[in-house]
């Protein structure tokens, strides 16, 4: 992988993380719970939750699964919500 490929991958990662953050924030907001209350109730660090919502950190699939459970949606539906936020042709590899 050359430097240009690495740059493209990093840009695509940012797009994905932003989409995840938007979905997490939107779903948490519908529950009318602040970050501290939500993170305490669902055992997800409030710092991690904040960074996720701002799209500044990557996370484990187990955390995403916990979030889907907290929002009372199937993980596959949670993934579809994220996918809807992405460009229709989103792909890490061209």
PDB file of N, CA and C in Angstrom:
ATOM      1  N   UNK A   1       0.848  -1.164   0.000  1.00  0.00           N
ATOM      2  CA  UNK A   1       0.000   0.000   0.000  1.00  0.00           C
ATOM      3  C   UNK A   1       0.900   1.237   0.000  1.00  0.00           C
ATOM      4  N   UNK A   2       0.640   2.164  -0.912  1.00  0.00           N
ATOM      5  CA  UNK A   2       1.454   3.368  -0.971  1.00  0.00           C
ATOM      6  C   UNK A   2       0.839   4.466  -0.099  1.00  0.00           C
ATOM      7  N   UNK A   3       1.526   5.604  -0.037  1.00  0.00           N
ATOM      8  CA  UNK A   3       1.070   6.708   0.818  1.00  0.00           C
ATOM      9  C   UNK A   3      -0.307   7.218   0.407  1.00  0.00           C
ATOM     10  N   UNK A   4      -0.565   7.262  -0.888  1.00  0.00           N
ATOM     11  CA  UNK A   4      -1.866   7.726  -1.370  1.00  0.00           C
ATOM     12  C   UNK A   4      -2.981   6.779  -0.933  1.00  0.00           C
ATOM     13  N   UNK A   5      -2.718   5.472  -1.003  1.00  0.00           N
ATOM     14  CA  UNK A   5      -3.707   4.484  -0.550  1.00  0.00           C
ATOM     15  C   UNK A   5      -3.982   4.645   0.945  1.00  0.00           C
ATOM     16  N   UNK A   6      -2.936   4.881   1.708  1.00  0.00           N
ATOM     17  CA  UNK A   6      -3.097   5.068   3.157  1.00  0.00           C
ATOM     18  C   UNK A   6      -3.938   6.294   3.459  1.00  0.00           C
ATOM     19  N   UNK A   7      -3.720   7.347   2.707  1.00  0.00           N
ATOM     20  CA  UNK A   7      -4.490   8.575   2.889  1.00  0.00           C
ATOM     21  C   UNK A   7      -5.963   8.344   2.566  1.00  0.00           C
ATOM     22  N   UNK A   8      -6.223   7.640   1.490  1.00  0.00           N
ATOM     23  CA  UNK A   8      -7.604   7.328   1.109  1.00  0.00           C
ATOM     24  C   UNK A   8      -8.279   6.475   2.176  1.00  0.00           C
ATOM     25  N   UNK A   9      -7.570   5.482   2.685  1.00  0.00           N
ATOM     26  CA  UNK A   9      -8.121   4.614   3.735  1.00  0.00           C
ATOM     27  C   UNK A   9      -8.442   5.426   4.990  1.00  0.00           C
ATOM     28  N   UNK A  10      -7.564   6.347   5.345  1.00  0.00           N
ATOM     29  CA  UNK A  10      -7.785   7.178   6.524  1.00  0.00           C
ATOM     30  C   UNK A  10      -9.006   8.071   6.332  1.00  0.00           C
ATOM     31  N   UNK A  11      -9.182   8.619   5.141  1.00  0.00           N
ATOM     32  CA  UNK A  11     -10.350   9.455   4.846  1.00  0.00           C
ATOM     33  C   UNK A  11     -11.642   8.631   4.926  1.00  0.00           C
ATOM     34  N   UNK A  12     -11.604   7.431   4.404  1.00  0.00           N
ATOM     35  CA  UNK A  12     -12.789   6.571   4.440  1.00  0.00           C
ATOM     36  C   UNK A  12     -13.120   6.150   5.872  1.00  0.00           C
ATOM     37  N   UNK A  13     -12.088   5.910   6.657  1.00  0.00           N
ATOM     38  CA  UNK A  13     -12.299   5.570   8.066  1.00  0.00           C
ATOM     39  C   UNK A  13     -13.001   6.723   8.773  1.00  0.00           C
ATOM     40  N   UNK A  14     -12.603   7.945   8.494  1.00  0.00           N
ATOM     41  CA  UNK A  14     -13.241   9.114   9.106  1.00  0.00           C
ATOM     42  C   UNK A  14     -14.710   9.209   8.716  1.00  0.00           C
ATOM     43  N   UNK A  15     -15.012   8.908   7.467  1.00  0.00           N
ATOM     44  CA  UNK A  15     -16.405   8.922   7.006  1.00  0.00           C
ATOM     45  C   UNK A  15     -17.225   7.889   7.773  1.00  0.00           C
ATOM     46  N   UNK A  16     -16.674   6.693   7.936  1.00  0.00           N
ATOM     47  CA  UNK A  16     -17.369   5.633   8.663  1.00  0.00           C
ATOM     48  C   UNK A  16     -17.568   6.005  10.128  1.00  0.00           C
ATOM     49  N   UNK A  17     -16.524   6.506  10.769  1.00  0.00           N
ATOM     50  CA  UNK A  17     -16.623   6.863  12.184  1.00  0.00           C
ATOM     51  C   UNK A  17     -17.625   7.989  12.401  1.00  0.00           C
ATOM     52  N   UNK A  18     -17.694   8.930  11.462  1.00  0.00           N
ATOM     53  CA  UNK A  18     -18.671  10.013  11.557  1.00  0.00           C
ATOM     54  C   UNK A  18     -20.084   9.445  11.466  1.00  0.00           C
ATOM     55  N   UNK A  19     -20.312   8.499  10.578  1.00  0.00           N
ATOM     56  CA  UNK A  19     -21.632   7.883  10.431  1.00  0.00           C
ATOM     57  C   UNK A  19     -22.031   7.134  11.700  1.00  0.00           C
ATOM     58  N   UNK A  20     -21.089   6.399  12.266  1.00  0.00           N
ATOM     59  CA  UNK A  20     -21.367   5.686  13.520  1.00  0.00           C
ATOM     60  C   UNK A  20     -21.739   6.689  14.603  1.00  0.00           C
ATOM     61  N   UNK A  21     -20.970   7.749  14.709  1.00  0.00           N
ATOM     62  CA  UNK A  21     -21.220   8.767  15.724  1.00  0.00           C
ATOM     63  C   UNK A  21     -22.591   9.404  15.598  1.00  0.00           C
ATOM     64  N   UNK A  22     -22.988   9.692  14.375  1.00  0.00           N
ATOM     65  CA  UNK A  22     -24.300  10.288  14.156  1.00  0.00           C
ATOM     66  C   UNK A  22     -25.417   9.348  14.602  1.00  0.00           C
ATOM     67  N   UNK A  23     -25.286   8.074  14.264  1.00  0.00           N
ATOM     68  CA  UNK A  23     -26.313   7.094  14.639  1.00  0.00           C
ATOM     69  C   UNK A  23     -26.371   6.931  16.156  1.00  0.00           C
ATOM     70  N   UNK A  24     -25.229   6.866  16.801  1.00  0.00           N
ATOM     71  CA  UNK A  24     -25.200   6.723  18.262  1.00  0.00           C
ATOM     72  C   UNK A  24     -25.840   7.948  18.909  1.00  0.00           C
ATOM     73  N   UNK A  25     -25.430   9.128  18.484  1.00  0.00           N
ATOM     74  CA  UNK A  25     -25.984  10.358  19.064  1.00  0.00           C
ATOM     75  C   UNK A  25     -27.495  10.447  18.849  1.00  0.00           C
ATOM     76  N   UNK A  26     -27.949  10.189  17.641  1.00  0.00           N
ATOM     77  CA  UNK A  26     -29.380  10.273  17.342  1.00  0.00           C
ATOM     78  C   UNK A  26     -30.191   9.308  18.198  1.00  0.00           C
ATOM     79  N   UNK A  27     -29.697   8.085  18.336  1.00  0.00           N
ATOM     80  CA  UNK A  27     -30.436   7.093  19.129  1.00  0.00           C
ATOM     81  C   UNK A  27     -30.395   7.414  20.614  1.00  0.00           C
ATOM     82  N   UNK A  28     -29.250   7.865  21.106  1.00  0.00           N
ATOM     83  CA  UNK A  28     -29.172   8.237  22.527  1.00  0.00           C
ATOM     84  C   UNK A  28     -30.082   9.421  22.804  1.00  0.00           C
ATOM     85  N   UNK A  29     -30.124  10.373  21.898  1.00  0.00           N
ATOM     86  CA  UNK A  29     -30.963  11.557  22.071  1.00  0.00           C
ATOM     87  C   UNK A  29     -32.441  11.209  22.135  1.00  0.00           C
ATOM     88  N   UNK A  30     -32.858  10.209  21.360  1.00  0.00           N
ATOM     89  CA  UNK A  30     -34.274   9.819  21.397  1.00  0.00           C
ATOM     90  C   UNK A  30     -34.653   9.215  22.744  1.00  0.00           C
ATOM     91  N   UNK A  31     -33.652   8.725  23.473  1.00  0.00           N
ATOM     92  CA  UNK A  31     -33.913   8.180  24.807  1.00  0.00           C
ATOM     93  C   UNK A  31     -33.940   9.275  25.869  1.00  0.00           C
ATOM     94  N   UNK A  32     -33.612  10.500  25.459  1.00  0.00           N
ATOM     95  CA  UNK A  32     -33.561  11.641  26.386  1.00  0.00           C
ATOM     96  C   UNK A  32     -32.631  11.386  27.569  1.00  0.00           C
ATOM     97  N   UNK A  33     -31.463  10.814  27.276  1.00  0.00           N
ATOM     98  CA  UNK A  33     -30.482  10.543  28.323  1.00  0.00           C
ATOM     99  C   UNK A  33     -29.174  11.238  27.977  1.00  0.00           C
ATOM    100  N   UNK A  34     -28.612  11.889  28.962  1.00  0.00           N
ATOM    101  CA  UNK A  34     -27.305  12.498  28.770  1.00  0.00           C
ATOM    102  C   UNK A  34     -26.229  11.429  28.682  1.00  0.00           C
ATOM    103  N   UNK A  35     -25.046  11.849  28.290  1.00  0.00           N
ATOM    104  CA  UNK A  35     -23.935  10.903  28.149  1.00  0.00           C
ATOM    105  C   UNK A  35     -23.642  10.202  29.471  1.00  0.00           C
ATOM    106  N   UNK A  36     -23.596  10.943  30.568  1.00  0.00           N
ATOM    107  CA  UNK A  36     -23.244  10.327  31.852  1.00  0.00           C
ATOM    108  C   UNK A  36     -24.261   9.272  32.277  1.00  0.00           C
ATOM    109  N   UNK A  37     -25.526   9.607  32.189  1.00  0.00           N
ATOM    110  CA  UNK A  37     -26.564   8.648  32.596  1.00  0.00           C
ATOM    111  C   UNK A  37     -26.554   7.426  31.685  1.00  0.00           C
ATOM    112  N   UNK A  38     -26.501   7.665  30.375  1.00  0.00           N
ATOM    113  CA  UNK A  38     -26.503   6.565  29.419  1.00  0.00           C
ATOM    114  C   UNK A  38     -25.290   5.665  29.624  1.00  0.00           C
ATOM    115  N   UNK A  39     -24.130   6.259  29.755  1.00  0.00           N
ATOM    116  CA  UNK A  39     -22.912   5.452  29.894  1.00  0.00           C
ATOM    117  C   UNK A  39     -22.936   4.640  31.189  1.00  0.00           C
ATOM    118  N   UNK A  40     -23.475   5.207  32.251  1.00  0.00           N
ATOM    119  CA  UNK A  40     -23.577   4.477  33.512  1.00  0.00           C
ATOM    120  C   UNK A  40     -24.551   3.306  33.378  1.00  0.00           C
ATOM    121  N   UNK A  41     -25.715   3.554  32.806  1.00  0.00           N
ATOM    122  CA  UNK A  41     -26.749   2.522  32.703  1.00  0.00           C
ATOM    123  C   UNK A  41     -26.334   1.359  31.813  1.00  0.00           C
ATOM    124  N   UNK A  42     -25.507   1.636  30.803  1.00  0.00           N
ATOM    125  CA  UNK A  42     -25.175   0.585  29.841  1.00  0.00           C
ATOM    126  C   UNK A  42     -23.698   0.194  29.875  1.00  0.00           C
ATOM    127  N   UNK A  43     -22.992   0.636  30.907  1.00  0.00           N
ATOM    128  CA  UNK A  43     -21.602   0.230  31.133  1.00  0.00           C
ATOM    129  C   UNK A  43     -20.701   0.507  29.923  1.00  0.00           C
ATOM    130  N   UNK A  44     -20.833   1.723  29.433  1.00  0.00           N
ATOM    131  CA  UNK A  44     -19.972   2.189  28.350  1.00  0.00           C
ATOM    132  C   UNK A  44     -19.357   3.489  28.852  1.00  0.00           C
ATOM    133  N   UNK A  45     -18.059   3.566  28.882  1.00  0.00           N
ATOM    134  CA  UNK A  45     -17.400   4.749  29.415  1.00  0.00           C
ATOM    135  C   UNK A  45     -17.908   6.034  28.770  1.00  0.00           C
ATOM    136  N   UNK A  46     -18.127   7.072  29.600  1.00  0.00           N
ATOM    137  CA  UNK A  46     -18.655   8.309  29.032  1.00  0.00           C
ATOM    138  C   UNK A  46     -17.653   8.987  28.097  1.00  0.00           C
ATOM    139  N   UNK A  47     -16.366   8.848  28.357  1.00  0.00           N
ATOM    140  CA  UNK A  47     -15.366   9.392  27.443  1.00  0.00           C
ATOM    141  C   UNK A  47     -15.400   8.686  26.102  1.00  0.00           C
ATOM    142  N   UNK A  48     -15.505   7.361  26.145  1.00  0.00           N
ATOM    143  CA  UNK A  48     -15.595   6.577  24.910  1.00  0.00           C
ATOM    144  C   UNK A  48     -16.858   6.950  24.143  1.00  0.00           C
ATOM    145  N   UNK A  49     -17.953   7.049  24.852  1.00  0.00           N
ATOM    146  CA  UNK A  49     -19.223   7.394  24.213  1.00  0.00           C
ATOM    147  C   UNK A  49     -19.134   8.772  23.540  1.00  0.00           C
ATOM    148  N   UNK A  50     -18.546   9.711  24.217  1.00  0.00           N
ATOM    149  CA  UNK A  50     -18.387  11.051  23.652  1.00  0.00           C
ATOM    150  C   UNK A  50     -17.512  11.021  22.392  1.00  0.00           C
ATOM    151  N   UNK A  51     -16.401  10.310  22.460  1.00  0.00           N
ATOM    152  CA  UNK A  51     -15.513  10.217  21.294  1.00  0.00           C
ATOM    153  C   UNK A  51     -16.198   9.495  20.132  1.00  0.00           C
ATOM    154  N   UNK A  52     -17.002   8.478  20.446  1.00  0.00           N
ATOM    155  CA  UNK A  52     -17.755   7.780  19.397  1.00  0.00           C
ATOM    156  C   UNK A  52     -18.729   8.735  18.719  1.00  0.00           C
ATOM    157  N   UNK A  53     -19.468   9.479  19.521  1.00  0.00           N
ATOM    158  CA  UNK A  53     -20.461  10.391  18.961  1.00  0.00           C
ATOM    159  C   UNK A  53     -19.819  11.493  18.123  1.00  0.00           C
ATOM    160  N   UNK A  54     -18.602  11.856  18.467  1.00  0.00           N
ATOM    161  CA  UNK A  54     -17.890  12.879  17.694  1.00  0.00           C
ATOM    162  C   UNK A  54     -17.104  12.284  16.530  1.00  0.00           C
ATOM    163  N   UNK A  55     -17.127  10.970  16.398  1.00  0.00           N
ATOM    164  CA  UNK A  55     -16.456  10.308  15.291  1.00  0.00           C
ATOM    165  C   UNK A  55     -14.946  10.364  15.369  1.00  0.00           C
ATOM    166  N   UNK A  56     -14.429  10.431  16.594  1.00  0.00           N
ATOM    167  CA  UNK A  56     -12.978  10.578  16.751  1.00  0.00           C
ATOM    168  C   UNK A  56     -12.277   9.317  17.250  1.00  0.00           C
ATOM    169  N   UNK A  57     -13.027   8.247  17.423  1.00  0.00           N
ATOM    170  CA  UNK A  57     -12.388   7.015  17.880  1.00  0.00           C
ATOM    171  C   UNK A  57     -13.032   5.808  17.219  1.00  0.00           C
ATOM    172  N   UNK A  58     -12.229   4.810  17.014  1.00  0.00           N
ATOM    173  CA  UNK A  58     -12.708   3.525  16.521  1.00  0.00           C
ATOM    174  C   UNK A  58     -13.087   2.716  17.759  1.00  0.00           C
ATOM    175  N   UNK A  59     -13.856   1.682  17.591  1.00  0.00           N
ATOM    176  CA  UNK A  59     -14.256   0.900  18.756  1.00  0.00           C
ATOM    177  C   UNK A  59     -14.386  -0.570  18.400  1.00  0.00           C
ATOM    178  N   UNK A  60     -14.591  -1.354  19.417  1.00  0.00           N
ATOM    179  CA  UNK A  60     -14.752  -2.795  19.242  1.00  0.00           C
ATOM    180  C   UNK A  60     -16.185  -3.105  18.809  1.00  0.00           C
ATOM    181  N   UNK A  61     -16.327  -4.207  18.137  1.00  0.00           N
ATOM    182  CA  UNK A  61     -17.663  -4.633  17.724  1.00  0.00           C
ATOM    183  C   UNK A  61     -18.524  -4.951  18.948  1.00  0.00           C
ATOM    184  N   UNK A  62     -17.910  -5.368  20.040  1.00  0.00           N
ATOM    185  CA  UNK A  62     -18.690  -5.655  21.248  1.00  0.00           C
ATOM    186  C   UNK A  62     -19.338  -4.380  21.794  1.00  0.00           C
ATOM    187  N   UNK A  63     -18.659  -3.263  21.688  1.00  0.00           N
ATOM    188  CA  UNK A  63     -19.239  -1.993  22.133  1.00  0.00           C
ATOM    189  C   UNK A  63     -20.396  -1.602  21.232  1.00  0.00           C
ATOM    190  N   UNK A  64     -20.223  -1.779  19.935  1.00  0.00           N
ATOM    191  CA  UNK A  64     -21.320  -1.475  19.014  1.00  0.00           C
ATOM    192  C   UNK A  64     -22.530  -2.369  19.294  1.00  0.00           C
ATOM    193  N   UNK A  65     -22.254  -3.614  19.624  1.00  0.00           N
ATOM    194  CA  UNK A  65     -23.346  -4.550  19.935  1.00  0.00           C
ATOM    195  C   UNK A  65     -24.068  -4.094  21.206  1.00  0.00           C
ATOM    196  N   UNK A  66     -23.299  -3.681  22.217  1.00  0.00           N
ATOM    197  CA  UNK A  66     -23.899  -3.178  23.457  1.00  0.00           C
ATOM    198  C   UNK A  66     -24.766  -1.955  23.174  1.00  0.00           C
ATOM    199  N   UNK A  67     -24.301  -1.089  22.289  1.00  0.00           N
ATOM    200  CA  UNK A  67     -25.076   0.099  21.940  1.00  0.00           C
ATOM    201  C   UNK A  67     -26.387  -0.289  21.261  1.00  0.00           C
ATOM    202  N   UNK A  68     -26.329  -1.222  20.335  1.00  0.00           N
ATOM    203  CA  UNK A  68     -27.551  -1.685  19.670  1.00  0.00           C
ATOM    204  C   UNK A  68     -28.534  -2.233  20.706  1.00  0.00           C
ATOM    205  N   UNK A  69     -28.021  -3.009  21.644  1.00  0.00           N
ATOM    206  CA  UNK A  69     -28.878  -3.544  22.701  1.00  0.00           C
ATOM    207  C   UNK A  69     -29.475  -2.424  23.547  1.00  0.00           C
ATOM    208  N   UNK A  70     -28.675  -1.415  23.858  1.00  0.00           N
ATOM    209  CA  UNK A  70     -29.156  -0.287  24.658  1.00  0.00           C
ATOM    210  C   UNK A  70     -30.279   0.458  23.929  1.00  0.00           C
ATOM    211  N   UNK A  71     -30.183   0.523  22.618  1.00  0.00           N
ATOM    212  CA  UNK A  71     -31.208   1.197  21.821  1.00  0.00           C
ATOM    213  C   UNK A  71     -32.379   0.275  21.489  1.00  0.00           C
ATOM    214  N   UNK A  72     -32.282  -0.961  21.976  1.00  0.00           N
ATOM    215  CA  UNK A  72     -33.325  -1.979  21.777  1.00  0.00           C
ATOM    216  C   UNK A  72     -33.596  -2.250  20.301  1.00  0.00           C
ATOM    217  N   UNK A  73     -32.494  -2.347  19.556  1.00  0.00           N
ATOM    218  CA  UNK A  73     -32.601  -2.731  18.152  1.00  0.00           C
ATOM    219  C   UNK A  73     -31.609  -3.856  17.872  1.00  0.00           C
ATOM    220  N   UNK A  74     -31.932  -4.661  16.877  1.00  0.00           N
ATOM    221  CA  UNK A  74     -31.024  -5.738  16.497  1.00  0.00           C
ATOM    222  C   UNK A  74     -29.734  -5.115  15.949  1.00  0.00           C
ATOM    223  N   UNK A  75     -28.636  -5.814  16.164  1.00  0.00           N
ATOM    224  CA  UNK A  75     -27.361  -5.307  15.680  1.00  0.00           C
ATOM    225  C   UNK A  75     -27.395  -5.089  14.172  1.00  0.00           C
ATOM    226  N   UNK A  76     -28.027  -6.009  13.444  1.00  0.00           N
ATOM    227  CA  UNK A  76     -28.092  -5.863  11.984  1.00  0.00           C
ATOM    228  C   UNK A  76     -28.847  -4.592  11.597  1.00  0.00           C
ATOM    229  N   UNK A  77     -29.885  -4.237  12.344  1.00  0.00           N
ATOM    230  CA  UNK A  77     -30.615  -2.998  12.063  1.00  0.00           C
ATOM    231  C   UNK A  77     -29.771  -1.775  12.419  1.00  0.00           C
ATOM    232  N   UNK A  78     -28.998  -1.891  13.491  1.00  0.00           N
ATOM    233  CA  UNK A  78     -28.075  -0.820  13.876  1.00  0.00           C
ATOM    234  C   UNK A  78     -27.055  -0.594  12.765  1.00  0.00           C
ATOM    235  N   UNK A  79     -26.526  -1.675  12.226  1.00  0.00           N
ATOM    236  CA  UNK A  79     -25.559  -1.575  11.124  1.00  0.00           C
ATOM    237  C   UNK A  79     -26.210  -0.941   9.894  1.00  0.00           C
ATOM    238  N   UNK A  80     -27.474  -1.258   9.652  1.00  0.00           N
ATOM    239  CA  UNK A  80     -28.182  -0.664   8.508  1.00  0.00           C
ATOM    240  C   UNK A  80     -28.368   0.841   8.687  1.00  0.00           C
ATOM    241  N   UNK A  81     -28.604   1.274   9.918  1.00  0.00           N
ATOM    242  CA  UNK A  81     -28.722   2.710  10.178  1.00  0.00           C
ATOM    243  C   UNK A  81     -27.400   3.416   9.863  1.00  0.00           C
ATOM    244  N   UNK A  82     -26.307   2.783  10.230  1.00  0.00           N
ATOM    245  CA  UNK A  82     -24.989   3.346   9.922  1.00  0.00           C
ATOM    246  C   UNK A  82     -24.786   3.376   8.421  1.00  0.00           C
ATOM    247  N   UNK A  83     -25.120   2.280   7.773  1.00  0.00           N
ATOM    248  CA  UNK A  83     -24.940   2.171   6.331  1.00  0.00           C
ATOM    249  C   UNK A  83     -25.721   3.256   5.586  1.00  0.00           C
ATOM    250  N   UNK A  84     -26.898   3.613   6.078  1.00  0.00           N
ATOM    251  CA  UNK A  84     -27.706   4.655   5.437  1.00  0.00           C
ATOM    252  C   UNK A  84     -27.028   6.017   5.486  1.00  0.00           C
ATOM    253  N   UNK A  85     -26.157   6.227   6.458  1.00  0.00           N
ATOM    254  CA  UNK A  85     -25.446   7.496   6.603  1.00  0.00           C
ATOM    255  C   UNK A  85     -24.246   7.588   5.658  1.00  0.00           C
ATOM    256  N   UNK A  86     -23.846   6.464   5.105  1.00  0.00           N
ATOM    257  CA  UNK A  86     -22.667   6.421   4.240  1.00  0.00           C
ATOM    258  C   UNK A  86     -23.047   6.675   2.784  1.00  0.00           C
ATOM    259  N   UNK A  87     -22.101   7.160   1.999  1.00  0.00           N
ATOM    260  CA  UNK A  87     -22.375   7.273   0.560  1.00  0.00           C
ATOM    261  C   UNK A  87     -22.758   5.904   0.003  1.00  0.00           C
ATOM    262  N   UNK A  88     -23.634   5.884  -0.990  1.00  0.00           N
ATOM    263  CA  UNK A  88     -24.136   4.611  -1.516  1.00  0.00           C
ATOM    264  C   UNK A  88     -23.022   3.732  -2.079  1.00  0.00           C
ATOM    265  N   UNK A  89     -21.945   4.321  -2.509  1.00  0.00           N
ATOM    266  CA  UNK A  89     -20.837   3.551  -3.072  1.00  0.00           C
ATOM    267  C   UNK A  89     -19.681   3.366  -2.090  1.00  0.00           C
ATOM    268  N   UNK A  90     -19.955   3.550  -0.789  1.00  0.00           N
ATOM    269  CA  UNK A  90     -18.894   3.468   0.209  1.00  0.00           C
ATOM    270  C   UNK A  90     -18.241   2.089   0.200  1.00  0.00           C
ATOM    271  N   UNK A  91     -16.924   2.101   0.151  1.00  0.00           N
ATOM    272  CA  UNK A  91     -16.143   0.875   0.139  1.00  0.00           C
ATOM    273  C   UNK A  91     -14.718   1.268   0.502  1.00  0.00           C
ATOM    274  N   UNK A  92     -14.086   0.495   1.365  1.00  0.00           N
ATOM    275  CA  UNK A  92     -12.693   0.795   1.718  1.00  0.00           C
ATOM    276  C   UNK A  92     -11.749   0.539   0.574  1.00  0.00           C
ATOM    277  N   UNK A  93     -12.106  -0.399  -0.272  1.00  0.00           N
ATOM    278  CA  UNK A  93     -11.209  -0.780  -1.369  1.00  0.00           C
ATOM    279  C   UNK A  93     -11.872  -0.463  -2.686  1.00  0.00           C
ATOM    280  N   UNK A  94     -11.125   0.139  -3.581  1.00  0.00           N
ATOM    281  CA  UNK A  94     -11.705   0.538  -4.855  1.00  0.00           C
ATOM    282  C   UNK A  94     -11.355  -0.439  -5.946  1.00  0.00           C
TER     283      UNK A  94
END
